[in-house]
Each structure stands twice: as structure tokens, then as C-alpha cells.
Amino acid sequence: MRTLVLLSMFTLAAGYSDAVAFFGLGVFTANMTGNTVLLAGALAAPFVPHFPGMLRLDLPAISIVCFSLGAALAAIVLRRETGRPPVRTMAVAALGAALLVAAALVFSRTAGARLIPLCVALLSTVMGLQSVIAMRAGVPGISTTFVTGTIVTAILDFFGSTPRPEKRGEGVSNALTWALYLAGAFAGTLGLGELGNRALWPAAVVVALLIPVL
């Protein structure tokens, strides 16, 4: 039950934050597939006459780098941790919560465009940290930020060449993970519309409340 609550809340928070970041800042902070496309588009745009739209090069690059650094930090710190309570995992989650609070504070002041890269960096680092925590929770095939892989894993679990009852159960879990990410993104879009520059605070509160669950 603890693992289920952890993964569910992390997934909701990731979807929420990603929606706020994309619609509020113009870049993803959890979806690195989307950022890779945005980065490639920004690199290619100068070579395409009459390119439709303007793409920033710095934001997807910052997001990819900071997500990777956050994930690497979590992987190093949590290496071979097996004890209960998971002290190092709780410390990494606390760091993520603190960074998310900092991102919420910065986001409330992003009317000045110069603060947008800092907000992206903070949010992306948080998503990298929490992705590793979630992956280490030990549920096969489930990632709280890698939605494409979650969908593919669910389909394979349901329709693979040798379907087994336990695989179908994992498929249900993956499908629910996708639905939670969708719900989080839906809530994030509504939150941005209703709360404006205070929209990140609900995600910060949720992540902070997860620390005792670990």
C-alpha cells in the first residue's frame, strides 16, 4: 500500500508540474521525449525558411541537463539502500520537496522572463530525483514520468505473445499510471488557469506530504 500511494502521488505531481511548466513556461520538465523534440526543433529552425513558430534553445537544454543531473544524484545517493526506514530515500525526497518549494516561489515571480530558466532548472531537477525514487520502488515497468514506456508496457502486458494473469495485473497498474499522469496534467492546467503564478504550490505540498510515506 505504501508503494502504491508513493507512485500514485508522484505520478500526479509529475503530470501536474509538467502541465504547469509547458503551458506556463513553454517547456516540459518531466517529459524528456518532448523536450528532445523541442531541442531538435530549436536547433533545426535556423535552417528552415519560414519556420512556423519560435522555439527557445535554452529551455529544453536546461531541462534535459537538470533532469539528468537530478536522476544521477538520486541514483548515486540511493545506491544499494535496502534498509528500513529508507533514510537516504527520505533525504532525497526532502531535497526534492525543498526544490519544488523553491520552484513555486520562483514561478510566482516569472513575470520577469529572466527567472524562467531558473524555474525550469529547479522543476526538472525535482522530476529527475523523484523518477529514480519511483523506479526504485520496485513495481515492474512503471515510471512516473516516462509515459510512452508506461503505455507500451501496458499494451505488452495485455496483448503479449504469452499473456499471464500476473502480467495482466501489471498491465492494469501501468494503465492506471497513465491515467494518473493524465489526471495530474488536467489538474495542472486547471491550476494554472485558476491560481496563475501560484499554480505550483499544490504540487509542492503533495511532494512534501509524501516524505513520511517513504
N, C-alpha and C. Protein backbone atom coordinates (compact mmCIF):
# COMPACT_ATOMS: atom_id res chain seq x y z
N MET A 1 0.83 -1.21 0.00
CA MET A 1 0.00 0.00 0.00
C MET A 1 0.87 1.27 0.00
N ARG A 2 1.98 1.23 0.78
CA ARG A 2 2.87 2.39 0.82
C ARG A 2 3.41 2.71 -0.57
N THR A 3 3.85 1.65 -1.29
CA THR A 3 4.40 1.84 -2.64
C THR A 3 3.35 2.39 -3.58
N LEU A 4 2.12 1.88 -3.47
CA LEU A 4 1.03 2.35 -4.33
C LEU A 4 0.76 3.83 -4.12
N VAL A 5 0.70 4.25 -2.85
CA VAL A 5 0.47 5.67 -2.56
C VAL A 5 1.62 6.52 -3.10
N LEU A 6 2.84 6.05 -2.89
CA LEU A 6 4.02 6.79 -3.36
C LEU A 6 3.97 7.01 -4.86
N LEU A 7 3.79 5.92 -5.61
CA LEU A 7 3.79 6.03 -7.07
C LEU A 7 2.62 6.87 -7.58
N SER A 8 1.47 6.70 -6.96
CA SER A 8 0.29 7.46 -7.41
C SER A 8 0.49 8.95 -7.22
N MET A 9 0.97 9.35 -6.05
CA MET A 9 1.15 10.77 -5.77
C MET A 9 2.29 11.38 -6.59
N PHE A 10 3.38 10.62 -6.76
CA PHE A 10 4.47 11.11 -7.59
C PHE A 10 3.99 11.32 -9.03
N THR A 11 3.18 10.38 -9.53
CA THR A 11 2.69 10.49 -10.91
C THR A 11 1.78 11.69 -11.06
N LEU A 12 0.87 11.89 -10.11
CA LEU A 12 0.00 13.06 -10.15
C LEU A 12 0.82 14.35 -10.11
N ALA A 13 1.81 14.40 -9.21
CA ALA A 13 2.63 15.60 -9.09
C ALA A 13 3.43 15.86 -10.36
N ALA A 14 3.93 14.78 -10.99
CA ALA A 14 4.69 14.95 -12.23
C ALA A 14 3.81 15.46 -13.36
N GLY A 15 2.62 14.88 -13.51
CA GLY A 15 1.71 15.37 -14.55
C GLY A 15 1.29 16.80 -14.31
N TYR A 16 1.00 17.13 -13.06
CA TYR A 16 0.60 18.49 -12.69
C TYR A 16 1.71 19.48 -13.02
N SER A 17 2.92 19.19 -12.56
CA SER A 17 4.05 20.11 -12.76
C SER A 17 4.39 20.24 -14.24
N ASP A 18 4.30 19.14 -14.98
CA ASP A 18 4.63 19.19 -16.40
C ASP A 18 3.66 20.07 -17.16
N ALA A 19 2.37 19.98 -16.80
CA ALA A 19 1.38 20.83 -17.47
C ALA A 19 1.62 22.30 -17.15
N VAL A 20 1.87 22.60 -15.88
CA VAL A 20 2.14 23.99 -15.49
C VAL A 20 3.37 24.51 -16.22
N ALA A 21 4.42 23.68 -16.29
CA ALA A 21 5.66 24.11 -16.94
C ALA A 21 5.45 24.32 -18.44
N PHE A 22 4.76 23.40 -19.09
CA PHE A 22 4.61 23.52 -20.54
C PHE A 22 3.74 24.72 -20.92
N PHE A 23 2.60 24.84 -20.26
CA PHE A 23 1.69 25.93 -20.61
C PHE A 23 2.10 27.27 -19.99
N GLY A 24 2.86 27.21 -18.90
CA GLY A 24 3.27 28.44 -18.24
C GLY A 24 4.66 28.91 -18.59
N LEU A 25 5.55 27.95 -18.97
CA LEU A 25 6.94 28.30 -19.25
C LEU A 25 7.38 27.94 -20.67
N GLY A 26 6.59 27.08 -21.33
CA GLY A 26 6.90 26.73 -22.72
C GLY A 26 7.82 25.55 -22.89
N VAL A 27 7.98 24.73 -21.84
CA VAL A 27 8.87 23.57 -21.92
C VAL A 27 8.39 22.52 -20.94
N PHE A 28 8.70 21.24 -21.24
CA PHE A 28 8.38 20.17 -20.30
C PHE A 28 9.46 20.11 -19.22
N THR A 29 9.09 19.59 -18.06
CA THR A 29 10.10 19.36 -17.01
C THR A 29 10.13 17.90 -16.57
N ALA A 30 9.17 17.09 -16.99
CA ALA A 30 9.18 15.66 -16.69
C ALA A 30 9.28 14.83 -17.97
N ASN A 31 8.75 15.33 -19.06
CA ASN A 31 8.70 14.59 -20.32
C ASN A 31 9.93 14.92 -21.17
N MET A 32 10.97 14.12 -21.02
CA MET A 32 12.20 14.40 -21.75
C MET A 32 12.11 14.04 -23.23
N THR A 33 11.16 13.17 -23.59
CA THR A 33 10.92 12.90 -25.01
C THR A 33 10.46 14.18 -25.71
N GLY A 34 9.48 14.87 -25.09
CA GLY A 34 9.00 16.11 -25.67
C GLY A 34 10.09 17.17 -25.72
N ASN A 35 10.92 17.24 -24.68
CA ASN A 35 12.00 18.22 -24.68
C ASN A 35 13.05 17.92 -25.73
N THR A 36 13.28 16.64 -26.00
CA THR A 36 14.23 16.29 -27.06
C THR A 36 13.75 16.78 -28.41
N VAL A 37 12.44 16.66 -28.65
CA VAL A 37 11.86 17.18 -29.89
C VAL A 37 11.97 18.70 -29.93
N LEU A 38 11.66 19.38 -28.81
CA LEU A 38 11.77 20.84 -28.77
C LEU A 38 13.21 21.29 -29.00
N LEU A 39 14.17 20.58 -28.41
CA LEU A 39 15.58 20.94 -28.60
C LEU A 39 15.99 20.75 -30.05
N ALA A 40 15.60 19.62 -30.63
CA ALA A 40 15.94 19.37 -32.03
C ALA A 40 15.30 20.40 -32.95
N GLY A 41 14.05 20.78 -32.65
CA GLY A 41 13.37 21.79 -33.45
C GLY A 41 14.06 23.14 -33.37
N ALA A 42 14.50 23.50 -32.16
CA ALA A 42 15.21 24.78 -32.00
C ALA A 42 16.53 24.77 -32.74
N LEU A 43 17.22 23.63 -32.75
CA LEU A 43 18.48 23.52 -33.48
C LEU A 43 18.26 23.58 -34.99
N ALA A 44 17.15 22.99 -35.45
CA ALA A 44 16.89 22.93 -36.89
C ALA A 44 16.25 24.20 -37.44
N ALA A 45 15.56 24.95 -36.58
CA ALA A 45 14.77 26.11 -37.03
C ALA A 45 15.56 27.11 -37.88
N PRO A 46 16.82 27.45 -37.54
CA PRO A 46 17.54 28.43 -38.36
C PRO A 46 17.77 27.98 -39.81
N PHE A 47 17.68 26.68 -40.04
CA PHE A 47 17.92 26.16 -41.39
C PHE A 47 16.64 25.94 -42.19
N VAL A 48 15.50 26.28 -41.58
CA VAL A 48 14.20 26.05 -42.22
C VAL A 48 13.58 27.40 -42.56
N PRO A 49 13.48 27.74 -43.83
CA PRO A 49 12.84 29.02 -44.21
C PRO A 49 11.39 29.05 -43.74
N HIS A 50 10.99 30.18 -43.23
CA HIS A 50 9.60 30.39 -42.79
C HIS A 50 9.20 29.34 -41.76
N PHE A 51 10.08 29.08 -40.80
CA PHE A 51 9.77 28.08 -39.76
C PHE A 51 8.55 28.54 -38.97
N PRO A 52 7.54 27.65 -38.80
CA PRO A 52 6.31 28.06 -38.11
C PRO A 52 6.51 28.13 -36.60
N GLY A 53 6.57 29.32 -36.05
CA GLY A 53 6.69 29.46 -34.61
C GLY A 53 8.11 29.74 -34.17
N MET A 54 8.23 30.11 -32.92
CA MET A 54 9.52 30.40 -32.31
C MET A 54 9.82 29.36 -31.23
N LEU A 55 11.00 28.78 -31.28
CA LEU A 55 11.41 27.80 -30.28
C LEU A 55 12.66 28.29 -29.56
N ARG A 56 12.65 28.19 -28.24
CA ARG A 56 13.83 28.56 -27.46
C ARG A 56 14.76 27.36 -27.36
N LEU A 57 16.04 27.62 -27.54
CA LEU A 57 17.04 26.56 -27.45
C LEU A 57 17.42 26.28 -26.00
N ASP A 58 17.44 27.33 -25.18
CA ASP A 58 17.98 27.15 -23.82
C ASP A 58 17.09 26.33 -22.91
N LEU A 59 15.76 26.51 -22.98
CA LEU A 59 14.89 25.87 -22.01
C LEU A 59 14.88 24.34 -22.10
N PRO A 60 14.68 23.74 -23.30
CA PRO A 60 14.73 22.27 -23.33
C PRO A 60 16.10 21.73 -22.97
N ALA A 61 17.16 22.45 -23.34
CA ALA A 61 18.52 22.00 -22.99
C ALA A 61 18.71 22.03 -21.48
N ILE A 62 18.29 23.11 -20.84
CA ILE A 62 18.39 23.21 -19.38
C ILE A 62 17.60 22.09 -18.71
N SER A 63 16.39 21.85 -19.22
CA SER A 63 15.54 20.83 -18.61
C SER A 63 16.16 19.44 -18.71
N ILE A 64 16.66 19.09 -19.88
CA ILE A 64 17.26 17.77 -20.08
C ILE A 64 18.48 17.60 -19.17
N VAL A 65 19.33 18.62 -19.13
CA VAL A 65 20.55 18.54 -18.31
C VAL A 65 20.20 18.42 -16.83
N CYS A 66 19.29 19.26 -16.34
CA CYS A 66 18.96 19.25 -14.91
C CYS A 66 18.19 18.00 -14.51
N PHE A 67 17.31 17.52 -15.38
CA PHE A 67 16.63 16.24 -15.11
C PHE A 67 17.67 15.13 -14.96
N SER A 68 18.63 15.09 -15.88
CA SER A 68 19.67 14.05 -15.85
C SER A 68 20.53 14.17 -14.60
N LEU A 69 20.87 15.41 -14.22
CA LEU A 69 21.68 15.61 -13.01
C LEU A 69 20.92 15.18 -11.76
N GLY A 70 19.63 15.51 -11.70
CA GLY A 70 18.81 15.10 -10.56
C GLY A 70 18.72 13.58 -10.47
N ALA A 71 18.48 12.94 -11.62
CA ALA A 71 18.39 11.48 -11.63
C ALA A 71 19.73 10.84 -11.25
N ALA A 72 20.82 11.40 -11.76
CA ALA A 72 22.14 10.86 -11.43
C ALA A 72 22.45 11.00 -9.95
N LEU A 73 22.11 12.16 -9.38
CA LEU A 73 22.34 12.38 -7.96
C LEU A 73 21.56 11.37 -7.12
N ALA A 74 20.28 11.19 -7.46
CA ALA A 74 19.46 10.23 -6.72
C ALA A 74 20.00 8.81 -6.86
N ALA A 75 20.42 8.45 -8.07
CA ALA A 75 20.94 7.10 -8.29
C ALA A 75 22.20 6.84 -7.47
N ILE A 76 23.06 7.84 -7.39
CA ILE A 76 24.30 7.68 -6.62
C ILE A 76 24.01 7.61 -5.12
N VAL A 77 23.17 8.52 -4.63
CA VAL A 77 22.89 8.57 -3.20
C VAL A 77 22.14 7.32 -2.73
N LEU A 78 21.24 6.81 -3.58
CA LEU A 78 20.38 5.70 -3.16
C LEU A 78 20.95 4.33 -3.51
N ARG A 79 22.15 4.32 -4.07
CA ARG A 79 22.76 3.05 -4.47
C ARG A 79 22.85 2.08 -3.28
N ARG A 80 22.30 0.89 -3.48
CA ARG A 80 22.36 -0.21 -2.52
C ARG A 80 21.64 0.09 -1.20
N GLU A 81 20.74 1.05 -1.19
CA GLU A 81 19.96 1.26 0.04
C GLU A 81 18.84 0.24 0.11
N THR A 82 18.81 -0.56 1.16
CA THR A 82 17.78 -1.59 1.33
C THR A 82 17.13 -1.56 2.70
N GLY A 83 17.67 -0.79 3.62
CA GLY A 83 17.17 -0.80 4.99
C GLY A 83 15.87 -0.03 5.16
N ARG A 84 15.19 -0.30 6.28
CA ARG A 84 14.02 0.44 6.70
C ARG A 84 14.29 1.05 8.06
N PRO A 85 13.96 2.32 8.29
CA PRO A 85 13.40 3.22 7.27
C PRO A 85 14.46 3.63 6.25
N PRO A 86 14.03 3.95 5.03
CA PRO A 86 14.99 4.32 3.99
C PRO A 86 15.46 5.76 4.17
N VAL A 87 16.44 5.94 5.01
CA VAL A 87 16.85 7.29 5.42
C VAL A 87 17.32 8.12 4.23
N ARG A 88 18.14 7.50 3.37
CA ARG A 88 18.67 8.26 2.22
C ARG A 88 17.55 8.60 1.23
N THR A 89 16.61 7.67 1.05
CA THR A 89 15.48 7.96 0.16
C THR A 89 14.65 9.12 0.70
N MET A 90 14.43 9.12 2.00
CA MET A 90 13.70 10.23 2.62
C MET A 90 14.45 11.54 2.46
N ALA A 91 15.78 11.49 2.54
CA ALA A 91 16.58 12.70 2.37
C ALA A 91 16.47 13.23 0.95
N VAL A 92 16.52 12.33 -0.04
CA VAL A 92 16.39 12.75 -1.44
C VAL A 92 15.00 13.32 -1.69
N ALA A 93 13.97 12.67 -1.13
CA ALA A 93 12.61 13.19 -1.29
C ALA A 93 12.47 14.56 -0.63
N ALA A 94 13.10 14.73 0.53
CA ALA A 94 13.06 16.04 1.20
C ALA A 94 13.74 17.10 0.36
N LEU A 95 14.86 16.73 -0.27
CA LEU A 95 15.54 17.67 -1.17
C LEU A 95 14.62 18.03 -2.34
N GLY A 96 13.94 17.03 -2.90
CA GLY A 96 13.01 17.30 -4.00
C GLY A 96 11.89 18.23 -3.57
N ALA A 97 11.36 18.01 -2.36
CA ALA A 97 10.29 18.88 -1.86
C ALA A 97 10.79 20.30 -1.68
N ALA A 98 12.01 20.44 -1.15
CA ALA A 98 12.58 21.77 -0.95
C ALA A 98 12.79 22.49 -2.27
N LEU A 99 13.29 21.75 -3.27
CA LEU A 99 13.49 22.35 -4.59
C LEU A 99 12.17 22.72 -5.25
N LEU A 100 11.14 21.91 -4.99
CA LEU A 100 9.83 22.22 -5.56
C LEU A 100 9.24 23.46 -4.92
N VAL A 101 9.45 23.62 -3.62
CA VAL A 101 9.02 24.86 -2.94
C VAL A 101 9.76 26.05 -3.53
N ALA A 102 11.07 25.89 -3.76
CA ALA A 102 11.86 26.97 -4.37
C ALA A 102 11.33 27.28 -5.77
N ALA A 103 10.98 26.22 -6.54
CA ALA A 103 10.43 26.44 -7.88
C ALA A 103 9.10 27.18 -7.82
N ALA A 104 8.27 26.84 -6.83
CA ALA A 104 6.99 27.53 -6.67
C ALA A 104 7.19 29.01 -6.37
N LEU A 105 8.19 29.30 -5.53
CA LEU A 105 8.50 30.69 -5.21
C LEU A 105 8.99 31.44 -6.45
N VAL A 106 9.88 30.79 -7.22
CA VAL A 106 10.41 31.42 -8.43
C VAL A 106 9.30 31.61 -9.46
N PHE A 107 8.44 30.58 -9.60
CA PHE A 107 7.36 30.66 -10.58
C PHE A 107 6.42 31.82 -10.29
N SER A 108 6.25 32.13 -9.00
CA SER A 108 5.38 33.24 -8.64
C SER A 108 5.96 34.58 -9.07
N ARG A 109 7.23 34.56 -9.51
CA ARG A 109 7.89 35.80 -9.93
C ARG A 109 8.37 35.71 -11.38
N THR A 110 7.80 34.80 -12.16
CA THR A 110 8.28 34.63 -13.54
C THR A 110 7.72 35.65 -14.51
N ALA A 111 7.03 36.68 -14.00
CA ALA A 111 6.63 37.76 -14.90
C ALA A 111 7.87 38.36 -15.56
N GLY A 112 8.98 38.33 -14.81
CA GLY A 112 10.26 38.70 -15.40
C GLY A 112 10.86 37.48 -16.08
N ALA A 113 11.01 37.53 -17.39
CA ALA A 113 11.41 36.35 -18.14
C ALA A 113 12.78 35.80 -17.73
N ARG A 114 13.59 36.62 -17.09
CA ARG A 114 14.93 36.17 -16.72
C ARG A 114 14.90 35.05 -15.68
N LEU A 115 13.80 34.89 -14.95
CA LEU A 115 13.70 33.85 -13.93
C LEU A 115 13.19 32.52 -14.49
N ILE A 116 12.70 32.51 -15.71
CA ILE A 116 12.13 31.29 -16.29
C ILE A 116 13.16 30.15 -16.34
N PRO A 117 14.40 30.38 -16.82
CA PRO A 117 15.37 29.28 -16.84
C PRO A 117 15.63 28.68 -15.46
N LEU A 118 15.67 29.51 -14.42
CA LEU A 118 15.89 29.01 -13.07
C LEU A 118 14.73 28.13 -12.63
N CYS A 119 13.51 28.55 -12.91
CA CYS A 119 12.34 27.75 -12.56
C CYS A 119 12.36 26.40 -13.28
N VAL A 120 12.70 26.43 -14.56
CA VAL A 120 12.80 25.19 -15.34
C VAL A 120 13.86 24.27 -14.75
N ALA A 121 15.00 24.83 -14.39
CA ALA A 121 16.09 24.04 -13.82
C ALA A 121 15.66 23.37 -12.51
N LEU A 122 15.00 24.11 -11.65
CA LEU A 122 14.56 23.56 -10.36
C LEU A 122 13.53 22.45 -10.56
N LEU A 123 12.52 22.71 -11.38
CA LEU A 123 11.47 21.72 -11.61
C LEU A 123 12.03 20.45 -12.25
N SER A 124 12.91 20.60 -13.21
CA SER A 124 13.46 19.44 -13.91
C SER A 124 14.31 18.59 -12.98
N THR A 125 15.07 19.25 -12.10
CA THR A 125 15.87 18.51 -11.13
C THR A 125 14.97 17.70 -10.21
N VAL A 126 13.87 18.30 -9.77
CA VAL A 126 12.90 17.59 -8.92
C VAL A 126 12.37 16.36 -9.64
N MET A 127 12.01 16.50 -10.92
CA MET A 127 11.46 15.37 -11.66
C MET A 127 12.49 14.26 -11.83
N GLY A 128 13.75 14.62 -12.00
CA GLY A 128 14.80 13.62 -12.09
C GLY A 128 14.97 12.86 -10.78
N LEU A 129 14.97 13.59 -9.67
CA LEU A 129 15.08 12.96 -8.36
C LEU A 129 13.93 11.99 -8.10
N GLN A 130 12.70 12.46 -8.31
CA GLN A 130 11.55 11.64 -7.99
C GLN A 130 11.37 10.47 -8.95
N SER A 131 11.87 10.60 -10.17
CA SER A 131 11.77 9.49 -11.12
C SER A 131 12.59 8.30 -10.63
N VAL A 132 13.79 8.57 -10.10
CA VAL A 132 14.63 7.49 -9.59
C VAL A 132 14.02 6.88 -8.34
N ILE A 133 13.48 7.71 -7.44
CA ILE A 133 12.83 7.19 -6.25
C ILE A 133 11.70 6.24 -6.65
N ALA A 134 10.89 6.67 -7.63
CA ALA A 134 9.76 5.85 -8.06
C ALA A 134 10.21 4.56 -8.73
N MET A 135 11.24 4.64 -9.57
CA MET A 135 11.74 3.44 -10.23
C MET A 135 12.28 2.44 -9.21
N ARG A 136 12.88 2.94 -8.15
CA ARG A 136 13.43 2.06 -7.12
C ARG A 136 12.35 1.47 -6.22
N ALA A 137 11.10 1.92 -6.39
CA ALA A 137 10.02 1.37 -5.57
C ALA A 137 9.74 -0.09 -5.92
N GLY A 138 10.21 -0.53 -7.10
CA GLY A 138 10.18 -1.95 -7.39
C GLY A 138 8.93 -2.47 -8.08
N VAL A 139 8.13 -1.60 -8.70
CA VAL A 139 6.96 -2.06 -9.44
C VAL A 139 7.35 -2.21 -10.90
N PRO A 140 7.32 -3.42 -11.48
CA PRO A 140 7.83 -3.66 -12.82
C PRO A 140 7.16 -2.78 -13.87
N GLY A 141 8.01 -2.11 -14.67
CA GLY A 141 7.52 -1.39 -15.83
C GLY A 141 6.93 -0.03 -15.57
N ILE A 142 6.80 0.37 -14.31
CA ILE A 142 6.13 1.63 -14.02
C ILE A 142 7.14 2.74 -13.80
N SER A 143 6.94 3.83 -14.51
CA SER A 143 7.71 5.05 -14.30
C SER A 143 6.73 6.20 -14.16
N THR A 144 6.99 7.10 -13.24
CA THR A 144 6.04 8.20 -13.01
C THR A 144 6.21 9.33 -14.02
N THR A 145 7.25 9.30 -14.84
CA THR A 145 7.45 10.37 -15.82
C THR A 145 7.57 9.86 -17.25
N PHE A 146 7.90 8.58 -17.44
CA PHE A 146 8.10 8.03 -18.78
C PHE A 146 6.78 7.44 -19.26
N VAL A 147 5.88 8.32 -19.74
CA VAL A 147 4.52 7.90 -20.06
C VAL A 147 4.48 7.02 -21.29
N THR A 148 5.29 7.30 -22.29
CA THR A 148 5.29 6.47 -23.50
C THR A 148 5.64 5.03 -23.16
N GLY A 149 6.69 4.85 -22.37
CA GLY A 149 7.08 3.50 -21.96
C GLY A 149 6.00 2.82 -21.14
N THR A 150 5.30 3.59 -20.31
CA THR A 150 4.22 3.03 -19.50
C THR A 150 3.10 2.49 -20.38
N ILE A 151 2.74 3.23 -21.42
CA ILE A 151 1.69 2.78 -22.34
C ILE A 151 2.13 1.52 -23.07
N VAL A 152 3.37 1.52 -23.58
CA VAL A 152 3.87 0.35 -24.32
C VAL A 152 3.91 -0.88 -23.41
N THR A 153 4.38 -0.70 -22.18
CA THR A 153 4.44 -1.82 -21.24
C THR A 153 3.05 -2.36 -20.95
N ALA A 154 2.09 -1.47 -20.78
CA ALA A 154 0.71 -1.91 -20.53
C ALA A 154 0.18 -2.73 -21.71
N ILE A 155 0.45 -2.27 -22.92
CA ILE A 155 -0.03 -3.00 -24.11
C ILE A 155 0.62 -4.37 -24.20
N LEU A 156 1.93 -4.44 -23.94
CA LEU A 156 2.62 -5.73 -23.97
C LEU A 156 2.09 -6.66 -22.88
N ASP A 157 1.79 -6.10 -21.71
CA ASP A 157 1.26 -6.93 -20.63
C ASP A 157 -0.12 -7.50 -20.99
N PHE A 158 -0.92 -6.70 -21.70
CA PHE A 158 -2.26 -7.16 -22.08
C PHE A 158 -2.25 -8.08 -23.30
N PHE A 159 -1.43 -7.74 -24.28
CA PHE A 159 -1.51 -8.42 -25.57
C PHE A 159 -0.23 -9.12 -25.99
N GLY A 160 0.70 -9.35 -25.06
CA GLY A 160 1.94 -10.02 -25.38
C GLY A 160 1.71 -11.44 -25.88
N SER A 161 2.75 -12.02 -26.43
CA SER A 161 2.60 -13.35 -27.04
C SER A 161 2.26 -14.43 -26.02
N THR A 162 2.69 -14.26 -24.77
CA THR A 162 2.39 -15.26 -23.73
C THR A 162 1.80 -14.57 -22.51
N PRO A 163 0.57 -14.04 -22.65
CA PRO A 163 -0.04 -13.31 -21.54
C PRO A 163 -0.27 -14.22 -20.33
N ARG A 164 0.05 -13.70 -19.14
CA ARG A 164 -0.17 -14.44 -17.90
C ARG A 164 -0.98 -13.55 -16.96
N PRO A 165 -1.72 -14.16 -16.03
CA PRO A 165 -2.56 -13.36 -15.13
C PRO A 165 -1.77 -12.26 -14.41
N GLU A 166 -0.53 -12.60 -13.95
CA GLU A 166 0.24 -11.57 -13.24
C GLU A 166 0.63 -10.43 -14.16
N LYS A 167 0.87 -10.76 -15.46
CA LYS A 167 1.20 -9.72 -16.43
C LYS A 167 0.01 -8.81 -16.67
N ARG A 168 -1.17 -9.38 -16.71
CA ARG A 168 -2.36 -8.55 -16.91
C ARG A 168 -2.54 -7.60 -15.72
N GLY A 169 -2.20 -8.08 -14.53
CA GLY A 169 -2.26 -7.21 -13.36
C GLY A 169 -1.29 -6.05 -13.48
N GLU A 170 -0.07 -6.33 -13.98
CA GLU A 170 0.90 -5.27 -14.20
C GLU A 170 0.41 -4.31 -15.28
N GLY A 171 -0.28 -4.86 -16.29
CA GLY A 171 -0.83 -4.01 -17.35
C GLY A 171 -1.86 -3.04 -16.80
N VAL A 172 -2.69 -3.52 -15.89
CA VAL A 172 -3.68 -2.63 -15.25
C VAL A 172 -2.97 -1.52 -14.48
N SER A 173 -1.89 -1.89 -13.75
CA SER A 173 -1.14 -0.89 -12.99
C SER A 173 -0.55 0.17 -13.91
N ASN A 174 -0.01 -0.25 -15.05
CA ASN A 174 0.57 0.70 -16.00
C ASN A 174 -0.50 1.59 -16.61
N ALA A 175 -1.65 1.01 -16.93
CA ALA A 175 -2.73 1.82 -17.49
C ALA A 175 -3.21 2.85 -16.48
N LEU A 176 -3.29 2.45 -15.22
CA LEU A 176 -3.70 3.39 -14.17
C LEU A 176 -2.65 4.49 -13.98
N THR A 177 -1.37 4.13 -14.13
CA THR A 177 -0.31 5.14 -14.02
C THR A 177 -0.48 6.20 -15.10
N TRP A 178 -0.76 5.76 -16.33
CA TRP A 178 -1.01 6.72 -17.41
C TRP A 178 -2.21 7.60 -17.07
N ALA A 179 -3.27 6.99 -16.56
CA ALA A 179 -4.48 7.76 -16.22
C ALA A 179 -4.19 8.78 -15.12
N LEU A 180 -3.35 8.41 -14.16
CA LEU A 180 -2.99 9.35 -13.09
C LEU A 180 -2.18 10.52 -13.64
N TYR A 181 -1.27 10.22 -14.58
CA TYR A 181 -0.50 11.30 -15.19
C TYR A 181 -1.43 12.24 -15.95
N LEU A 182 -2.38 11.67 -16.68
CA LEU A 182 -3.38 12.47 -17.39
C LEU A 182 -4.17 13.34 -16.41
N ALA A 183 -4.60 12.74 -15.29
CA ALA A 183 -5.36 13.49 -14.29
C ALA A 183 -4.51 14.60 -13.69
N GLY A 184 -3.23 14.30 -13.43
CA GLY A 184 -2.36 15.33 -12.90
C GLY A 184 -2.18 16.49 -13.86
N ALA A 185 -1.98 16.17 -15.15
CA ALA A 185 -1.83 17.22 -16.16
C ALA A 185 -3.11 18.03 -16.31
N PHE A 186 -4.25 17.35 -16.23
CA PHE A 186 -5.54 18.04 -16.27
C PHE A 186 -5.65 19.02 -15.10
N ALA A 187 -5.29 18.53 -13.90
CA ALA A 187 -5.35 19.39 -12.72
C ALA A 187 -4.35 20.54 -12.83
N GLY A 188 -3.17 20.27 -13.38
CA GLY A 188 -2.18 21.31 -13.54
C GLY A 188 -2.64 22.42 -14.48
N THR A 189 -3.32 22.01 -15.56
CA THR A 189 -3.84 23.01 -16.49
C THR A 189 -4.91 23.88 -15.82
N LEU A 190 -5.80 23.21 -15.08
CA LEU A 190 -6.81 23.97 -14.34
C LEU A 190 -6.16 24.86 -13.27
N GLY A 191 -5.15 24.29 -12.59
CA GLY A 191 -4.47 25.06 -11.55
C GLY A 191 -3.81 26.31 -12.11
N LEU A 192 -3.20 26.17 -13.28
CA LEU A 192 -2.57 27.34 -13.89
C LEU A 192 -3.61 28.40 -14.23
N GLY A 193 -4.76 27.93 -14.72
CA GLY A 193 -5.82 28.88 -15.07
C GLY A 193 -6.42 29.57 -13.86
N GLU A 194 -6.57 28.81 -12.76
CA GLU A 194 -7.22 29.36 -11.57
C GLU A 194 -6.25 30.08 -10.63
N LEU A 195 -5.03 29.53 -10.49
CA LEU A 195 -4.09 30.06 -9.50
C LEU A 195 -3.02 30.96 -10.09
N GLY A 196 -2.86 30.91 -11.41
CA GLY A 196 -1.86 31.76 -12.05
C GLY A 196 -0.46 31.44 -11.57
N ASN A 197 0.25 32.45 -11.10
CA ASN A 197 1.64 32.24 -10.69
C ASN A 197 1.79 31.53 -9.35
N ARG A 198 0.68 31.12 -8.76
CA ARG A 198 0.73 30.30 -7.54
C ARG A 198 0.44 28.83 -7.83
N ALA A 199 0.42 28.48 -9.11
CA ALA A 199 -0.07 27.17 -9.51
C ALA A 199 0.80 26.00 -9.05
N LEU A 200 2.08 26.22 -8.78
CA LEU A 200 2.96 25.12 -8.39
C LEU A 200 2.84 24.73 -6.91
N TRP A 201 2.19 25.54 -6.12
CA TRP A 201 2.12 25.24 -4.69
C TRP A 201 1.41 23.93 -4.37
N PRO A 202 0.31 23.57 -5.04
CA PRO A 202 -0.32 22.27 -4.74
C PRO A 202 0.63 21.10 -4.94
N ALA A 203 1.44 21.11 -6.00
CA ALA A 203 2.40 20.03 -6.23
C ALA A 203 3.45 20.00 -5.14
N ALA A 204 3.90 21.18 -4.70
CA ALA A 204 4.90 21.25 -3.64
C ALA A 204 4.36 20.65 -2.35
N VAL A 205 3.11 20.91 -2.03
CA VAL A 205 2.50 20.38 -0.81
C VAL A 205 2.39 18.86 -0.90
N VAL A 206 1.96 18.35 -2.07
CA VAL A 206 1.80 16.89 -2.24
C VAL A 206 3.15 16.19 -2.06
N VAL A 207 4.20 16.68 -2.69
CA VAL A 207 5.50 16.03 -2.57
C VAL A 207 6.02 16.09 -1.13
N ALA A 208 5.82 17.20 -0.46
CA ALA A 208 6.26 17.32 0.93
C ALA A 208 5.53 16.30 1.82
N LEU A 209 4.24 16.09 1.57
CA LEU A 209 3.47 15.15 2.37
C LEU A 209 3.85 13.70 2.11
N LEU A 210 4.53 13.44 0.96
CA LEU A 210 4.94 12.08 0.64
C LEU A 210 6.12 11.60 1.48
N ILE A 211 6.89 12.50 2.03
CA ILE A 211 8.12 12.10 2.73
C ILE A 211 7.85 11.11 3.87
N PRO A 212 6.83 11.32 4.73
CA PRO A 212 6.58 10.33 5.78
C PRO A 212 6.13 8.97 5.24
N VAL A 213 5.54 8.97 4.02
CA VAL A 213 5.06 7.70 3.44
C VAL A 213 6.22 6.79 3.07
N LEU A 214 7.39 7.38 2.76
CA LEU A 214 8.54 6.59 2.36
C LEU A 214 8.98 5.63 3.47
